[in-house]
């Protein structure tokens, strides 16, 4: 039967699932132990939400279930591809994935602290930047007292690396 003969109420609504943080094709999904724990906690939360789904309307329940299942599928793929980086194995005097870096802006002497983390764990409000970000890429392999320049449209920002810590 053609779609023209199906009542609108009978058509299944396809849920729109927001994509996870961008990870280019072929790039390893590096995560910290904390990042993996967050992904696993998110999975448990979605499973709990799925198990406790209640609605008097069967159509709404089915749509909600489809949305949760789609989110779970994306999350399971991200977890399966994740590679946990052991921060104890990183060179402690050099910036690599997982490093907590203290930077001093040369123009105004502002101090900022960032940790280089996986794409799902990144949260600039918490000082966590993705290893794919321009700042993280500029910092990789640098050491204390090195300077880096972050290219900007209007004005480049020069940072001096003050400290490197792994926890």
N, C-alpha and C. Protein backbone atom coordinates (compact mmCIF):
# COMPACT_ATOMS: atom_id res chain seq x y z
N UNK A 1 0.85 -1.17 0.00
CA UNK A 1 0.00 0.00 0.00
C UNK A 1 0.90 1.23 0.00
N UNK A 2 0.52 2.23 -0.77
CA UNK A 2 1.34 3.44 -0.82
C UNK A 2 1.14 4.26 0.44
N UNK A 3 2.12 5.11 0.73
CA UNK A 3 2.06 5.95 1.93
C UNK A 3 0.86 6.90 1.88
N UNK A 4 0.32 7.14 0.71
CA UNK A 4 -0.82 8.04 0.58
C UNK A 4 -2.07 7.51 1.25
N UNK A 5 -2.12 6.20 1.50
CA UNK A 5 -3.31 5.61 2.09
C UNK A 5 -3.14 5.28 3.58
N UNK A 6 -2.08 5.78 4.18
CA UNK A 6 -1.84 5.54 5.60
C UNK A 6 -2.32 6.76 6.37
N UNK A 7 -3.08 6.51 7.44
CA UNK A 7 -3.54 7.63 8.26
C UNK A 7 -2.34 8.28 8.94
N UNK A 8 -2.40 9.61 9.07
CA UNK A 8 -1.30 10.33 9.71
C UNK A 8 -1.02 9.81 11.11
N UNK A 9 -2.03 9.46 11.87
CA UNK A 9 -1.85 8.98 13.23
C UNK A 9 -1.09 7.66 13.29
N UNK A 10 -1.11 6.90 12.20
CA UNK A 10 -0.45 5.59 12.18
C UNK A 10 1.02 5.67 11.81
N UNK A 11 1.47 6.84 11.34
CA UNK A 11 2.86 6.95 10.90
C UNK A 11 3.79 7.08 12.10
N UNK A 12 4.84 6.29 12.08
CA UNK A 12 5.83 6.30 13.17
C UNK A 12 6.69 7.54 13.05
N UNK A 13 6.79 8.29 14.13
CA UNK A 13 7.64 9.46 14.15
C UNK A 13 9.07 9.02 14.38
N UNK A 14 9.96 9.44 13.50
CA UNK A 14 11.37 9.09 13.63
C UNK A 14 12.01 10.09 14.59
N UNK A 15 12.61 9.60 15.68
CA UNK A 15 13.20 10.52 16.64
C UNK A 15 14.46 11.18 16.06
N UNK A 16 14.64 12.45 16.38
CA UNK A 16 15.85 13.16 15.98
C UNK A 16 16.82 13.05 17.15
N UNK A 17 17.93 12.37 16.90
CA UNK A 17 18.91 12.12 17.95
C UNK A 17 20.10 13.05 17.73
N UNK A 18 20.42 13.87 18.72
CA UNK A 18 21.58 14.74 18.56
C UNK A 18 22.85 13.90 18.47
N UNK A 19 23.73 14.30 17.58
CA UNK A 19 25.00 13.60 17.42
C UNK A 19 25.86 13.80 18.66
N UNK A 20 26.74 12.87 18.90
CA UNK A 20 27.72 13.00 19.98
C UNK A 20 28.78 14.00 19.52
N UNK A 21 29.68 14.34 20.40
CA UNK A 21 30.76 15.26 20.06
C UNK A 21 31.49 14.75 18.82
N UNK A 22 31.90 15.67 17.96
CA UNK A 22 32.51 15.31 16.69
C UNK A 22 33.85 14.59 16.89
N UNK A 23 33.99 13.47 16.22
CA UNK A 23 35.23 12.71 16.19
C UNK A 23 35.44 12.31 14.73
N UNK A 24 36.46 12.87 14.08
CA UNK A 24 36.66 12.57 12.65
C UNK A 24 36.84 11.08 12.38
N UNK A 25 36.43 10.67 11.22
CA UNK A 25 36.57 9.28 10.78
C UNK A 25 38.03 8.87 10.85
N UNK A 26 38.29 7.72 11.45
CA UNK A 26 39.64 7.19 11.51
C UNK A 26 40.49 7.69 12.68
N UNK A 27 39.96 8.65 13.46
CA UNK A 27 40.70 9.17 14.61
C UNK A 27 40.36 8.32 15.83
N UNK A 28 41.38 7.87 16.55
CA UNK A 28 41.16 7.05 17.75
C UNK A 28 40.41 7.87 18.80
N UNK A 29 39.44 7.23 19.43
CA UNK A 29 38.66 7.88 20.47
C UNK A 29 39.37 7.73 21.82
N UNK A 30 40.38 8.57 22.06
CA UNK A 30 41.11 8.53 23.32
C UNK A 30 40.22 9.06 24.44
N UNK A 31 40.28 8.42 25.60
CA UNK A 31 39.53 8.87 26.77
C UNK A 31 40.41 8.69 28.01
N UNK A 32 40.13 9.51 29.01
CA UNK A 32 40.76 9.30 30.31
C UNK A 32 39.92 8.26 31.04
N UNK A 33 40.40 7.74 32.15
CA UNK A 33 39.60 6.81 32.96
C UNK A 33 38.32 7.51 33.40
N UNK A 34 38.43 8.80 33.79
CA UNK A 34 37.25 9.58 34.20
C UNK A 34 36.26 9.70 33.04
N UNK A 35 36.78 9.94 31.84
CA UNK A 35 35.93 10.05 30.67
C UNK A 35 35.18 8.76 30.39
N UNK A 36 35.87 7.62 30.52
CA UNK A 36 35.21 6.33 30.31
C UNK A 36 34.16 6.09 31.38
N UNK A 37 34.47 6.44 32.62
CA UNK A 37 33.49 6.30 33.71
C UNK A 37 32.25 7.13 33.42
N UNK A 38 32.44 8.33 32.86
CA UNK A 38 31.30 9.18 32.52
C UNK A 38 30.46 8.56 31.41
N UNK A 39 31.11 7.98 30.41
CA UNK A 39 30.38 7.31 29.33
C UNK A 39 29.58 6.12 29.87
N UNK A 40 30.19 5.33 30.74
CA UNK A 40 29.50 4.17 31.32
C UNK A 40 28.34 4.60 32.22
N UNK A 41 28.52 5.70 32.95
CA UNK A 41 27.44 6.22 33.81
C UNK A 41 26.28 6.72 32.95
N UNK A 42 26.61 7.36 31.84
CA UNK A 42 25.57 7.82 30.91
C UNK A 42 24.79 6.63 30.35
N UNK A 43 25.51 5.56 30.04
CA UNK A 43 24.86 4.35 29.53
C UNK A 43 23.90 3.78 30.58
N UNK A 44 24.37 3.69 31.83
CA UNK A 44 23.51 3.18 32.91
C UNK A 44 22.28 4.05 33.09
N UNK A 45 22.46 5.37 32.97
CA UNK A 45 21.33 6.28 33.11
C UNK A 45 20.29 6.04 32.01
N UNK A 46 20.76 5.85 30.78
CA UNK A 46 19.84 5.59 29.67
C UNK A 46 19.14 4.25 29.83
N UNK A 47 19.85 3.24 30.29
CA UNK A 47 19.24 1.92 30.54
C UNK A 47 18.18 2.04 31.63
N UNK A 48 18.50 2.78 32.69
CA UNK A 48 17.54 3.00 33.77
C UNK A 48 16.31 3.74 33.25
N UNK A 49 16.54 4.76 32.44
CA UNK A 49 15.43 5.52 31.85
C UNK A 49 14.56 4.62 30.97
N UNK A 50 15.21 3.75 30.20
CA UNK A 50 14.49 2.82 29.33
C UNK A 50 13.66 1.83 30.15
N UNK A 51 14.26 1.28 31.21
CA UNK A 51 13.57 0.31 32.06
C UNK A 51 12.40 0.91 32.83
N UNK A 52 12.47 2.21 33.09
CA UNK A 52 11.43 2.86 33.88
C UNK A 52 10.53 3.76 33.04
N UNK A 53 10.52 3.52 31.76
CA UNK A 53 9.70 4.31 30.85
C UNK A 53 8.23 4.02 31.11
N UNK A 54 7.48 5.07 31.36
CA UNK A 54 6.05 4.87 31.58
C UNK A 54 5.28 5.98 30.89
N UNK A 55 4.26 5.58 30.20
CA UNK A 55 3.40 6.53 29.52
C UNK A 55 2.07 5.83 29.29
N UNK A 56 1.02 6.57 29.44
CA UNK A 56 -0.31 6.00 29.19
C UNK A 56 -0.57 5.89 27.69
N UNK A 57 0.12 6.69 26.92
CA UNK A 57 -0.05 6.68 25.48
C UNK A 57 1.02 5.76 24.86
N UNK A 58 0.59 4.67 24.23
CA UNK A 58 1.52 3.70 23.65
C UNK A 58 2.39 4.32 22.57
N UNK A 59 1.83 5.24 21.78
CA UNK A 59 2.59 5.88 20.72
C UNK A 59 3.73 6.72 21.31
N UNK A 60 3.44 7.48 22.35
CA UNK A 60 4.48 8.29 23.01
C UNK A 60 5.56 7.39 23.62
N UNK A 61 5.11 6.29 24.21
CA UNK A 61 6.06 5.35 24.82
C UNK A 61 6.98 4.75 23.75
N UNK A 62 6.43 4.38 22.61
CA UNK A 62 7.21 3.80 21.52
C UNK A 62 8.21 4.82 20.98
N UNK A 63 7.78 6.07 20.83
CA UNK A 63 8.68 7.13 20.34
C UNK A 63 9.80 7.36 21.35
N UNK A 64 9.47 7.42 22.63
CA UNK A 64 10.50 7.60 23.67
C UNK A 64 11.47 6.44 23.68
N UNK A 65 10.95 5.23 23.53
CA UNK A 65 11.80 4.04 23.50
C UNK A 65 12.75 4.07 22.30
N UNK A 66 12.23 4.49 21.14
CA UNK A 66 13.06 4.60 19.94
C UNK A 66 14.18 5.62 20.14
N UNK A 67 13.86 6.73 20.79
CA UNK A 67 14.86 7.78 21.05
C UNK A 67 15.96 7.26 21.98
N UNK A 68 15.56 6.61 23.05
CA UNK A 68 16.54 6.06 24.00
C UNK A 68 17.41 5.01 23.33
N UNK A 69 16.79 4.13 22.53
CA UNK A 69 17.56 3.09 21.84
C UNK A 69 18.55 3.70 20.85
N UNK A 70 18.16 4.77 20.17
CA UNK A 70 19.06 5.43 19.23
C UNK A 70 20.23 6.07 19.98
N UNK A 71 19.95 6.71 21.12
CA UNK A 71 21.03 7.30 21.93
C UNK A 71 21.97 6.22 22.45
N UNK A 72 21.39 5.10 22.88
CA UNK A 72 22.20 3.98 23.37
C UNK A 72 23.10 3.41 22.28
N UNK A 73 22.58 3.33 21.07
CA UNK A 73 23.38 2.80 19.97
C UNK A 73 24.59 3.70 19.70
N UNK A 74 24.37 5.02 19.65
CA UNK A 74 25.49 5.95 19.45
C UNK A 74 26.50 5.86 20.59
N UNK A 75 25.98 5.77 21.81
CA UNK A 75 26.84 5.70 22.99
C UNK A 75 27.63 4.39 23.02
N UNK A 76 26.97 3.28 22.71
CA UNK A 76 27.66 1.99 22.68
C UNK A 76 28.78 1.96 21.64
N UNK A 77 28.53 2.59 20.49
CA UNK A 77 29.57 2.69 19.46
C UNK A 77 30.76 3.49 19.99
N UNK A 78 30.49 4.59 20.67
CA UNK A 78 31.56 5.44 21.20
C UNK A 78 32.36 4.69 22.26
N UNK A 79 31.66 3.96 23.13
CA UNK A 79 32.34 3.18 24.18
C UNK A 79 33.19 2.07 23.56
N UNK A 80 32.65 1.39 22.56
CA UNK A 80 33.38 0.28 21.92
C UNK A 80 34.66 0.77 21.25
N UNK A 81 34.64 1.99 20.74
CA UNK A 81 35.81 2.54 20.04
C UNK A 81 36.79 3.25 20.97
N UNK A 82 36.41 3.42 22.23
CA UNK A 82 37.23 4.20 23.16
C UNK A 82 38.51 3.46 23.54
N UNK A 83 39.57 4.24 23.67
CA UNK A 83 40.86 3.71 24.12
C UNK A 83 41.29 4.53 25.32
N UNK A 84 41.30 3.87 26.49
CA UNK A 84 41.68 4.56 27.73
C UNK A 84 43.18 4.78 27.74
N UNK A 85 43.58 6.02 28.01
CA UNK A 85 45.00 6.37 28.11
C UNK A 85 45.37 6.38 29.59
N UNK A 86 46.37 5.58 29.95
CA UNK A 86 46.86 5.54 31.33
C UNK A 86 47.76 6.75 31.55
N UNK A 87 47.29 7.68 32.36
CA UNK A 87 48.02 8.93 32.57
C UNK A 87 49.35 8.73 33.28
N UNK A 88 49.49 7.63 34.02
CA UNK A 88 50.76 7.33 34.70
C UNK A 88 51.85 6.98 33.69
N UNK A 89 51.45 6.55 32.51
CA UNK A 89 52.41 6.16 31.49
C UNK A 89 52.82 7.32 30.58
N UNK A 90 52.19 8.47 30.77
CA UNK A 90 52.54 9.64 29.96
C UNK A 90 53.86 10.23 30.47
N UNK A 91 54.68 10.82 29.59
CA UNK A 91 55.92 11.47 30.05
C UNK A 91 55.56 12.66 30.93
N UNK A 92 55.91 12.61 32.19
CA UNK A 92 55.44 13.58 33.18
C UNK A 92 55.96 15.01 32.94
N UNK A 93 57.01 15.16 32.17
CA UNK A 93 57.56 16.50 31.93
C UNK A 93 57.17 17.05 30.56
N UNK A 94 56.25 16.38 29.89
CA UNK A 94 55.85 16.77 28.54
C UNK A 94 54.33 16.72 28.43
N UNK A 95 53.76 17.59 27.62
CA UNK A 95 52.31 17.64 27.48
C UNK A 95 51.85 16.59 26.48
N UNK A 96 50.99 15.73 26.96
CA UNK A 96 50.35 14.70 26.13
C UNK A 96 48.89 14.62 26.56
N UNK A 97 48.19 13.67 25.99
CA UNK A 97 46.78 13.47 26.33
C UNK A 97 46.65 13.27 27.83
N UNK A 98 45.69 13.96 28.45
CA UNK A 98 45.42 13.82 29.87
C UNK A 98 46.14 14.84 30.74
N UNK A 99 47.10 15.55 30.18
CA UNK A 99 47.87 16.52 30.97
C UNK A 99 46.97 17.66 31.44
N UNK A 100 47.24 18.10 32.67
CA UNK A 100 46.63 19.31 33.20
C UNK A 100 47.71 20.37 33.09
N UNK A 101 47.44 21.39 32.29
CA UNK A 101 48.44 22.37 31.91
C UNK A 101 48.08 23.75 32.46
N UNK A 102 49.04 24.38 33.14
CA UNK A 102 48.85 25.75 33.61
C UNK A 102 49.54 26.67 32.61
N UNK A 103 48.76 27.60 32.07
CA UNK A 103 49.26 28.53 31.06
C UNK A 103 49.18 29.96 31.56
N UNK A 104 50.13 30.75 31.16
CA UNK A 104 50.13 32.18 31.47
C UNK A 104 50.06 32.93 30.14
N UNK A 105 49.06 33.78 29.99
CA UNK A 105 48.92 34.58 28.79
C UNK A 105 49.95 35.70 28.85
N UNK A 106 50.78 35.81 27.85
CA UNK A 106 51.85 36.80 27.89
C UNK A 106 51.34 38.23 27.85
N UNK A 107 50.24 38.48 27.15
CA UNK A 107 49.73 39.85 27.00
C UNK A 107 49.27 40.46 28.31
N UNK A 108 48.62 39.64 29.17
CA UNK A 108 48.04 40.21 30.39
C UNK A 108 48.35 39.41 31.66
N UNK A 109 49.20 38.40 31.54
CA UNK A 109 49.62 37.56 32.67
C UNK A 109 48.49 36.77 33.32
N UNK A 110 47.37 36.61 32.61
CA UNK A 110 46.29 35.76 33.13
C UNK A 110 46.75 34.31 33.19
N UNK A 111 46.35 33.63 34.26
CA UNK A 111 46.66 32.22 34.42
C UNK A 111 45.41 31.40 34.10
N UNK A 112 45.57 30.38 33.26
CA UNK A 112 44.48 29.49 32.92
C UNK A 112 44.97 28.05 33.05
N UNK A 113 44.06 27.18 33.46
CA UNK A 113 44.41 25.77 33.62
C UNK A 113 43.46 24.94 32.76
N UNK A 114 44.05 24.07 31.94
CA UNK A 114 43.27 23.21 31.05
C UNK A 114 43.76 21.77 31.18
N UNK A 115 42.83 20.82 31.00
CA UNK A 115 43.21 19.42 30.88
C UNK A 115 42.84 18.97 29.48
N UNK A 116 43.74 18.24 28.85
CA UNK A 116 43.49 17.72 27.50
C UNK A 116 42.81 16.36 27.65
N UNK A 117 41.58 16.27 27.13
CA UNK A 117 40.75 15.09 27.33
C UNK A 117 40.11 14.64 26.02
N UNK A 118 39.32 13.58 26.09
CA UNK A 118 38.60 13.08 24.92
C UNK A 118 37.45 13.98 24.53
N UNK A 119 36.92 13.78 23.33
CA UNK A 119 35.89 14.65 22.79
C UNK A 119 34.60 14.63 23.61
N UNK A 120 34.25 13.48 24.18
CA UNK A 120 33.02 13.39 24.97
C UNK A 120 33.18 14.01 26.36
N UNK A 121 34.39 14.08 26.83
CA UNK A 121 34.66 14.60 28.17
C UNK A 121 34.91 16.11 28.17
N UNK A 122 35.20 16.67 27.00
CA UNK A 122 35.54 18.09 26.89
C UNK A 122 34.40 18.97 27.40
N UNK A 123 34.77 19.96 28.20
CA UNK A 123 33.82 20.92 28.76
C UNK A 123 34.62 22.16 29.15
N UNK A 124 34.60 23.16 28.30
CA UNK A 124 35.44 24.35 28.51
C UNK A 124 35.13 25.03 29.83
N UNK A 125 33.88 24.95 30.29
CA UNK A 125 33.52 25.57 31.57
C UNK A 125 34.25 24.90 32.74
N UNK A 126 34.65 23.64 32.55
CA UNK A 126 35.39 22.91 33.58
C UNK A 126 36.89 22.87 33.28
N UNK A 127 37.32 23.60 32.25
CA UNK A 127 38.73 23.64 31.90
C UNK A 127 39.20 22.38 31.19
N UNK A 128 38.27 21.65 30.57
CA UNK A 128 38.63 20.41 29.87
C UNK A 128 38.47 20.65 28.37
N UNK A 129 39.59 20.51 27.64
CA UNK A 129 39.56 20.76 26.20
C UNK A 129 39.84 19.46 25.45
N UNK A 130 39.18 19.32 24.31
CA UNK A 130 39.35 18.14 23.48
C UNK A 130 40.76 18.09 22.91
N UNK A 131 41.29 16.89 22.79
CA UNK A 131 42.62 16.71 22.20
C UNK A 131 42.63 17.15 20.73
N UNK A 132 41.46 17.37 20.14
CA UNK A 132 41.36 17.81 18.76
C UNK A 132 41.31 19.33 18.63
N UNK A 133 41.19 20.04 19.76
CA UNK A 133 41.08 21.50 19.71
C UNK A 133 42.40 22.13 19.28
N UNK A 134 42.34 23.32 18.67
CA UNK A 134 43.57 24.00 18.25
C UNK A 134 44.56 24.23 19.40
N UNK A 135 44.05 24.58 20.58
CA UNK A 135 44.93 24.81 21.72
C UNK A 135 45.63 23.52 22.13
N UNK A 136 44.89 22.42 22.23
CA UNK A 136 45.49 21.15 22.61
C UNK A 136 46.54 20.71 21.59
N UNK A 137 46.23 20.87 20.31
CA UNK A 137 47.19 20.50 19.27
C UNK A 137 48.48 21.32 19.38
N UNK A 138 48.34 22.60 19.74
CA UNK A 138 49.52 23.45 19.89
C UNK A 138 50.34 23.06 21.12
N UNK A 139 49.68 22.53 22.14
CA UNK A 139 50.35 22.18 23.39
C UNK A 139 51.07 20.83 23.36
N UNK A 140 50.59 19.90 22.56
CA UNK A 140 51.14 18.54 22.55
C UNK A 140 52.65 18.56 22.31
N UNK A 141 53.35 17.79 23.12
CA UNK A 141 54.80 17.61 23.07
C UNK A 141 55.60 18.80 23.63
N UNK A 142 54.92 19.80 24.16
CA UNK A 142 55.64 20.95 24.74
C UNK A 142 55.99 20.66 26.19
N UNK A 143 56.89 21.50 26.74
CA UNK A 143 57.37 21.34 28.12
C UNK A 143 57.22 22.65 28.88
N UNK A 144 57.46 22.57 30.20
CA UNK A 144 57.38 23.76 31.05
C UNK A 144 58.35 24.82 30.52
N UNK A 145 57.87 26.06 30.52
CA UNK A 145 58.55 27.27 30.06
C UNK A 145 58.56 27.44 28.54
N UNK A 146 58.08 26.44 27.79
CA UNK A 146 57.91 26.63 26.34
C UNK A 146 56.82 27.66 26.11
N UNK A 147 56.89 28.30 24.96
CA UNK A 147 55.85 29.25 24.55
C UNK A 147 55.13 28.67 23.33
N UNK A 148 53.83 28.92 23.28
CA UNK A 148 53.06 28.53 22.11
C UNK A 148 52.27 29.73 21.64
N UNK A 149 51.98 29.76 20.36
CA UNK A 149 51.16 30.84 19.80
C UNK A 149 49.90 30.22 19.23
N UNK A 150 48.76 30.73 19.70
CA UNK A 150 47.47 30.28 19.19
C UNK A 150 47.02 31.31 18.17
N UNK A 151 46.96 30.92 16.92
CA UNK A 151 46.60 31.82 15.82
C UNK A 151 45.12 32.17 15.90
N UNK A 152 44.82 33.45 15.89
CA UNK A 152 43.45 33.96 15.91
C UNK A 152 43.28 34.93 14.76
N UNK A 153 42.03 35.17 14.34
CA UNK A 153 41.76 36.08 13.23
C UNK A 153 42.28 37.50 13.52
N UNK A 154 41.95 38.01 14.69
CA UNK A 154 42.29 39.40 15.00
C UNK A 154 43.67 39.54 15.62
N UNK A 155 43.96 38.66 16.57
CA UNK A 155 45.22 38.80 17.30
C UNK A 155 45.65 37.43 17.82
N UNK A 156 46.91 37.10 17.58
CA UNK A 156 47.44 35.83 18.08
C UNK A 156 47.58 35.92 19.60
N UNK A 157 47.41 34.77 20.26
CA UNK A 157 47.57 34.72 21.72
C UNK A 157 48.80 33.88 22.01
N UNK A 158 49.72 34.46 22.80
CA UNK A 158 50.94 33.75 23.16
C UNK A 158 50.81 33.30 24.61
N UNK A 159 51.05 32.01 24.83
CA UNK A 159 51.00 31.42 26.16
C UNK A 159 52.39 30.92 26.54
N UNK A 160 52.67 31.00 27.82
CA UNK A 160 53.86 30.38 28.38
C UNK A 160 53.39 29.23 29.26
N UNK A 161 53.99 28.07 29.10
CA UNK A 161 53.59 26.89 29.88
C UNK A 161 54.28 26.97 31.24
N UNK A 162 53.46 27.01 32.28
CA UNK A 162 53.97 27.18 33.65
C UNK A 162 54.08 25.87 34.40
N UNK A 163 53.18 24.90 34.10
CA UNK A 163 53.19 23.66 34.85
C UNK A 163 52.48 22.56 34.06
N UNK A 164 52.90 21.32 34.29
CA UNK A 164 52.28 20.14 33.66
C UNK A 164 52.10 19.11 34.77
N UNK A 165 50.85 18.62 34.91
CA UNK A 165 50.53 17.64 35.94
C UNK A 165 49.64 16.56 35.33
N UNK A 166 49.80 15.35 35.80
CA UNK A 166 48.91 14.23 35.41
C UNK A 166 48.30 13.67 36.69
N UNK A 167 46.96 13.56 36.74
CA UNK A 167 46.27 12.92 37.87
C UNK A 167 45.16 12.03 37.37
